Amino acid sequence: MRLLANPVHRLWLSNVLLALSLSGALIGAVILLGKLPVLPINQVRIRGNLQHVTQADLNAVSLKYLQEGNFISADLVRIQAGFESLPWVRKAVIRRAWPNRLDISLEEQKPVARWAAGGLVNDKGERFMVQTSQQLPIFYGAEGTEKEVVAGYKEFQPLIQSVGHSIAAINLSSRRAWTLKLEDGLQMELGRESVKERLGSFIATYSRAMQAIKSLQYVDLRYPNGFVIQARDAMPVATLAPVKNKPKSTVKKPKTTA
């Protein structure tokens, strides 16, 4: 007890006890404010470029989650989960704004394509399940390749659009071989290696190809030094560059008779 006999030590102990009592009172006050009917949430500000999320959707979530607690005790994590449960909402961010407002920022899904196995895929390569009548390309691929297929689409689509067409479907096989189908029915075999370079080479020669053949049905780009094209409703196949090491699946020219 010699410690307490020292006036300096007694003063230090008194200050510590006073601080602890004040902190306990503060904690008690915060808990009490969370339970009392004070500081209600009087304003909710929702921001976001919303094309598919309806006012009815927002009202339903607000009525369910925003009436639980007040400005202090509102469970922001639970409110966030409520808004993110809406099919078209990808991400929600909830913040308190003193003294009585919640600010809610919503990021809506941006669909890029339909995933053949079900649902849609957004611009980040994430699948989500909604119903829509929107015209979208179809992506085929194994589960887990969504990001890879979307990345390929972002590389191929600008090249295809540069000649006035668009991609209607993409297939990434289990061997990582790419196949494109355009909106006019043209099928393009890109293979597995240097696919963007192969497609760019074909696009560069596209105008010359269309002078020779008015409408294409099939293009095989799986050649190191050229490609094979086939006209719609016609059997002969024309080559636009020296072709070496033809793959086994290539279409052969029909034999001519004298």
Protein backbone atom coordinates (compact mmCIF):
# COMPACT_ATOMS: atom_id res chain seq x y z
CA MET A 1 0.00 0.00 0.00
CA ARG A 2 3.03 2.26 -0.07
CA LEU A 3 2.12 3.12 -3.68
CA LEU A 4 -1.13 4.80 -2.56
CA ALA A 5 0.66 6.66 0.18
CA ASN A 6 2.42 8.71 -2.47
CA PRO A 7 0.27 11.76 -3.43
CA VAL A 8 1.46 11.60 -7.04
CA HIS A 9 0.41 7.97 -7.30
CA ARG A 10 -2.99 8.70 -5.72
CA LEU A 11 -3.58 11.49 -8.25
CA TRP A 12 -2.63 9.20 -11.15
CA LEU A 13 -5.00 6.48 -9.90
CA SER A 14 -7.83 8.98 -9.51
CA ASN A 15 -7.37 10.17 -13.10
CA VAL A 16 -7.42 6.61 -14.40
CA LEU A 17 -10.62 5.78 -12.52
CA LEU A 18 -12.25 8.99 -13.74
CA ALA A 19 -11.31 8.20 -17.37
CA LEU A 20 -12.70 4.69 -17.07
CA SER A 21 -15.95 5.95 -15.58
CA LEU A 22 -16.33 8.56 -18.34
CA SER A 23 -15.63 6.02 -21.10
CA GLY A 24 -18.17 3.67 -19.56
CA ALA A 25 -20.74 6.45 -19.48
CA LEU A 26 -20.01 7.24 -23.15
CA ILE A 27 -20.46 3.64 -24.21
CA GLY A 28 -23.67 3.47 -22.23
CA ALA A 29 -24.91 6.65 -23.92
CA VAL A 30 -24.21 5.27 -27.39
CA ILE A 31 -26.03 2.03 -26.59
CA LEU A 32 -28.93 4.00 -25.14
CA LEU A 33 -29.18 6.22 -28.25
CA GLY A 34 -29.33 3.12 -30.39
CA LYS A 35 -32.35 1.86 -28.49
CA LEU A 36 -34.30 5.05 -27.92
CA PRO A 37 -36.69 6.44 -30.60
CA VAL A 38 -34.36 9.35 -31.35
CA LEU A 39 -32.22 10.26 -34.34
CA PRO A 40 -34.53 8.63 -36.88
CA ILE A 41 -33.47 8.19 -40.48
CA ASN A 42 -35.45 10.95 -42.18
CA GLN A 43 -33.70 11.00 -45.55
CA VAL A 44 -32.42 8.35 -47.94
CA ARG A 45 -30.45 9.45 -50.98
CA ILE A 46 -29.99 6.81 -53.69
CA ARG A 47 -27.57 7.42 -56.52
CA GLY A 48 -26.66 5.39 -59.57
CA ASN A 49 -27.23 5.10 -63.30
CA LEU A 50 -30.17 2.74 -63.04
CA GLN A 51 -31.69 1.32 -66.21
CA HIS A 52 -33.27 -1.88 -64.92
CA VAL A 53 -33.76 -1.38 -61.17
CA THR A 54 -37.27 -0.03 -60.66
CA GLN A 55 -38.68 2.34 -58.05
CA ALA A 56 -40.78 -0.55 -56.76
CA ASP A 57 -37.59 -2.56 -56.14
CA LEU A 58 -36.04 0.31 -54.19
CA ASN A 59 -39.19 0.89 -52.15
CA ALA A 60 -39.45 -2.78 -51.22
CA VAL A 61 -35.88 -2.94 -49.91
CA SER A 62 -36.20 0.40 -48.11
CA LEU A 63 -39.38 -0.61 -46.31
CA LYS A 64 -37.87 -3.91 -45.24
CA TYR A 65 -34.46 -2.79 -44.00
CA LEU A 66 -34.50 0.94 -43.26
CA GLN A 67 -37.15 0.72 -40.54
CA GLU A 68 -34.86 -1.43 -38.39
CA GLY A 69 -33.13 0.86 -35.90
CA ASN A 70 -32.30 4.54 -36.11
CA PHE A 71 -29.45 6.60 -37.51
CA ILE A 72 -27.02 5.18 -34.93
CA SER A 73 -28.14 1.57 -34.74
CA ALA A 74 -29.04 0.91 -38.40
CA ASP A 75 -27.16 -2.17 -39.62
CA LEU A 76 -25.40 -0.88 -42.74
CA VAL A 77 -24.07 -4.32 -43.67
CA ARG A 78 -27.57 -5.76 -43.60
CA ILE A 79 -28.95 -2.83 -45.62
CA GLN A 80 -26.15 -3.29 -48.16
CA ALA A 81 -26.98 -7.00 -48.50
CA GLY A 82 -30.64 -6.10 -48.98
CA PHE A 83 -29.95 -3.84 -51.96
CA GLU A 84 -27.41 -6.27 -53.44
CA SER A 85 -30.07 -8.98 -53.34
CA LEU A 86 -31.85 -7.18 -56.19
CA PRO A 87 -31.06 -9.12 -59.39
CA TRP A 88 -29.85 -6.07 -61.36
CA VAL A 89 -27.71 -4.59 -58.56
CA ARG A 90 -24.05 -5.59 -58.70
CA LYS A 91 -22.79 -3.53 -55.75
CA ALA A 92 -24.22 -1.23 -53.07
CA VAL A 93 -22.32 1.20 -50.84
CA ILE A 94 -24.09 2.62 -47.75
CA ARG A 95 -22.86 5.62 -45.76
CA ARG A 96 -24.27 7.67 -42.88
CA ALA A 97 -24.59 11.43 -43.42
CA TRP A 98 -25.15 13.37 -40.20
CA PRO A 99 -27.60 13.97 -38.72
CA ASN A 100 -30.36 11.85 -40.25
CA ARG A 101 -29.54 10.73 -43.80
CA LEU A 102 -28.30 7.56 -45.45
CA ASP A 103 -26.46 7.86 -48.76
CA ILE A 104 -26.78 4.77 -50.94
CA SER A 105 -24.75 4.30 -54.13
CA LEU A 106 -25.86 1.50 -56.45
CA GLU A 107 -23.88 -0.02 -59.32
CA GLU A 108 -26.12 -1.76 -61.81
CA GLN A 109 -25.15 -4.84 -63.77
CA LYS A 110 -23.95 -4.14 -67.32
CA PRO A 111 -24.84 -7.22 -69.39
CA VAL A 112 -22.49 -8.06 -72.25
CA ALA A 113 -23.90 -11.40 -73.36
CA ARG A 114 -26.02 -14.40 -72.52
CA TRP A 115 -24.11 -17.34 -71.07
CA ALA A 116 -25.18 -20.49 -72.88
CA ALA A 117 -25.36 -22.53 -69.66
CA GLY A 118 -27.75 -19.98 -68.11
CA GLY A 119 -27.94 -16.37 -67.03
CA LEU A 120 -26.12 -13.30 -68.30
CA VAL A 121 -22.50 -12.24 -68.04
CA ASN A 122 -21.49 -8.66 -67.25
CA ASP A 123 -18.60 -6.53 -68.49
CA LYS A 124 -16.36 -7.87 -65.71
CA GLY A 125 -16.94 -11.50 -66.62
CA GLU A 126 -19.34 -12.22 -63.76
CA ARG A 127 -22.51 -14.26 -64.27
CA PHE A 128 -25.83 -13.15 -62.83
CA MET A 129 -29.34 -14.51 -63.15
CA VAL A 130 -32.03 -12.21 -64.56
CA GLN A 131 -34.64 -12.31 -67.30
CA THR A 132 -34.31 -9.83 -70.16
CA SER A 133 -35.55 -9.44 -73.73
CA GLN A 134 -32.44 -7.47 -74.68
CA GLN A 135 -30.66 -8.66 -77.84
CA LEU A 136 -27.28 -9.98 -76.70
CA PRO A 137 -24.59 -12.25 -78.16
CA ILE A 138 -24.28 -15.78 -76.77
CA PHE A 139 -21.08 -16.97 -75.09
CA TYR A 140 -20.15 -20.64 -74.86
CA GLY A 141 -17.46 -21.91 -72.55
CA ALA A 142 -16.71 -24.11 -69.57
CA GLU A 143 -17.66 -22.91 -66.11
CA GLY A 144 -14.98 -20.59 -64.80
CA THR A 145 -13.99 -19.20 -68.23
CA GLU A 146 -16.45 -16.28 -68.17
CA LYS A 147 -13.75 -13.63 -67.61
CA GLU A 148 -11.59 -15.11 -70.36
CA VAL A 149 -14.44 -15.14 -72.87
CA VAL A 150 -15.45 -11.55 -72.04
CA ALA A 151 -11.82 -10.44 -72.43
CA GLY A 152 -11.70 -12.13 -75.84
CA TYR A 153 -14.95 -10.46 -76.87
CA LYS A 154 -13.56 -7.04 -75.94
CA GLU A 155 -10.56 -7.69 -78.19
CA PHE A 156 -12.44 -9.18 -81.16
CA GLN A 157 -15.56 -7.02 -81.31
CA PRO A 158 -13.84 -3.71 -82.27
CA LEU A 159 -12.06 -5.47 -85.14
CA ILE A 160 -15.31 -7.02 -86.38
CA GLN A 161 -17.17 -3.71 -86.04
CA SER A 162 -14.52 -1.97 -88.14
CA VAL A 163 -15.89 -3.79 -91.20
CA GLY A 164 -19.54 -3.20 -90.34
CA HIS A 165 -20.38 -6.47 -88.55
CA SER A 166 -20.84 -7.67 -84.97
CA ILE A 167 -20.31 -10.89 -83.04
CA ALA A 168 -23.42 -12.98 -82.49
CA ALA A 169 -21.73 -15.86 -80.64
CA ILE A 170 -18.35 -16.88 -79.24
CA ASN A 171 -17.21 -20.36 -78.33
CA LEU A 172 -14.11 -21.11 -76.28
CA SER A 173 -13.53 -24.85 -76.43
CA SER A 174 -12.00 -27.01 -73.73
CA ARG A 175 -8.77 -26.86 -75.78
CA ARG A 176 -8.90 -23.04 -75.61
CA ALA A 177 -9.69 -22.73 -79.33
CA TRP A 178 -11.81 -19.75 -80.38
CA THR A 179 -14.74 -19.77 -82.80
CA LEU A 180 -16.75 -16.69 -83.73
CA LYS A 181 -20.12 -16.44 -85.42
CA LEU A 182 -21.18 -13.09 -86.85
CA GLU A 183 -24.67 -11.64 -87.08
CA ASP A 184 -24.86 -12.57 -90.79
CA GLY A 185 -24.05 -16.23 -90.10
CA LEU A 186 -20.35 -16.16 -91.01
CA GLN A 187 -18.35 -18.65 -88.91
CA MET A 188 -14.72 -17.86 -88.15
CA GLU A 189 -12.25 -20.41 -86.80
CA LEU A 190 -9.46 -18.54 -84.98
CA GLY A 191 -7.63 -21.42 -83.34
CA ARG A 192 -5.64 -21.14 -80.12
CA GLU A 193 -2.53 -19.07 -80.85
CA SER A 194 -2.07 -15.46 -81.99
CA VAL A 195 -5.82 -15.21 -82.47
CA LYS A 196 -6.03 -11.42 -82.37
CA GLU A 197 -3.19 -11.11 -84.90
CA ARG A 198 -4.85 -13.65 -87.18
CA LEU A 199 -8.16 -11.86 -87.01
CA GLY A 200 -6.48 -8.50 -87.63
CA SER A 201 -4.71 -9.91 -90.68
CA PHE A 202 -7.99 -11.17 -92.10
CA ILE A 203 -9.75 -7.86 -91.42
CA ALA A 204 -6.96 -6.03 -93.26
CA THR A 205 -7.61 -8.23 -96.30
CA TYR A 206 -11.40 -8.20 -95.89
CA SER A 207 -12.19 -5.68 -98.64
CA ARG A 208 -10.17 -7.71 -101.17
CA ALA A 209 -11.96 -10.88 -100.07
CA MET A 210 -15.38 -9.33 -100.55
CA GLN A 211 -14.46 -8.24 -104.08
CA ALA A 212 -13.78 -11.86 -104.94
CA ILE A 213 -16.68 -13.37 -103.01
CA LYS A 214 -19.84 -11.43 -102.25
CA SER A 215 -20.98 -13.39 -99.23
CA LEU A 216 -18.87 -15.53 -96.93
CA GLN A 217 -20.05 -18.56 -95.01
CA TYR A 218 -16.88 -19.85 -93.40
CA VAL A 219 -13.39 -18.53 -92.67
CA ASP A 220 -10.58 -20.67 -91.31
CA LEU A 221 -7.72 -18.62 -89.87
CA ARG A 222 -5.79 -21.53 -88.35
CA TYR A 223 -2.90 -21.18 -90.76
CA PRO A 224 0.52 -19.63 -90.13
CA ASN A 225 0.67 -17.78 -93.46
CA GLY A 226 -2.89 -17.30 -94.68
CA PHE A 227 -6.49 -18.40 -94.39
CA VAL A 228 -9.24 -20.21 -96.24
CA ILE A 229 -12.64 -18.74 -97.06
CA GLN A 230 -15.80 -20.38 -98.38
CA ALA A 231 -18.65 -18.60 -100.09
CA ARG A 232 -22.21 -19.03 -98.88
CA ASP A 233 -24.13 -21.71 -100.83
CA ALA A 234 -20.98 -22.64 -102.76
CA MET A 235 -18.56 -25.52 -102.39
CA PRO A 236 -15.29 -24.10 -103.75
CA VAL A 237 -12.92 -22.62 -101.22
CA ALA A 238 -10.66 -19.68 -102.06
CA THR A 239 -7.36 -18.93 -100.38
CA LEU A 240 -6.21 -15.33 -100.00
CA ALA A 241 -2.59 -16.03 -99.13
CA PRO A 242 -0.12 -18.87 -99.42
CA VAL A 243 -1.34 -21.57 -97.09
CA LYS A 244 1.07 -23.97 -95.44
CA ASN A 245 0.60 -26.80 -92.98
CA LYS A 246 -3.14 -27.12 -93.47
CA PRO A 247 -4.92 -28.45 -90.39
CA LYS A 248 -6.67 -31.76 -90.72
CA SER A 249 -10.12 -30.16 -90.41
CA THR A 250 -9.71 -27.83 -93.41
CA VAL A 251 -12.13 -28.02 -96.31
CA LYS A 252 -10.53 -29.36 -99.48
CA LYS A 253 -11.19 -28.08 -102.95
CA PRO A 254 -13.48 -30.35 -104.94
CA LYS A 255 -11.85 -32.13 -107.86
CA THR A 256 -12.60 -30.69 -111.26
CA THR A 257 -13.49 -32.79 -114.27
CA ALA A 258 -12.22 -32.25 -117.74
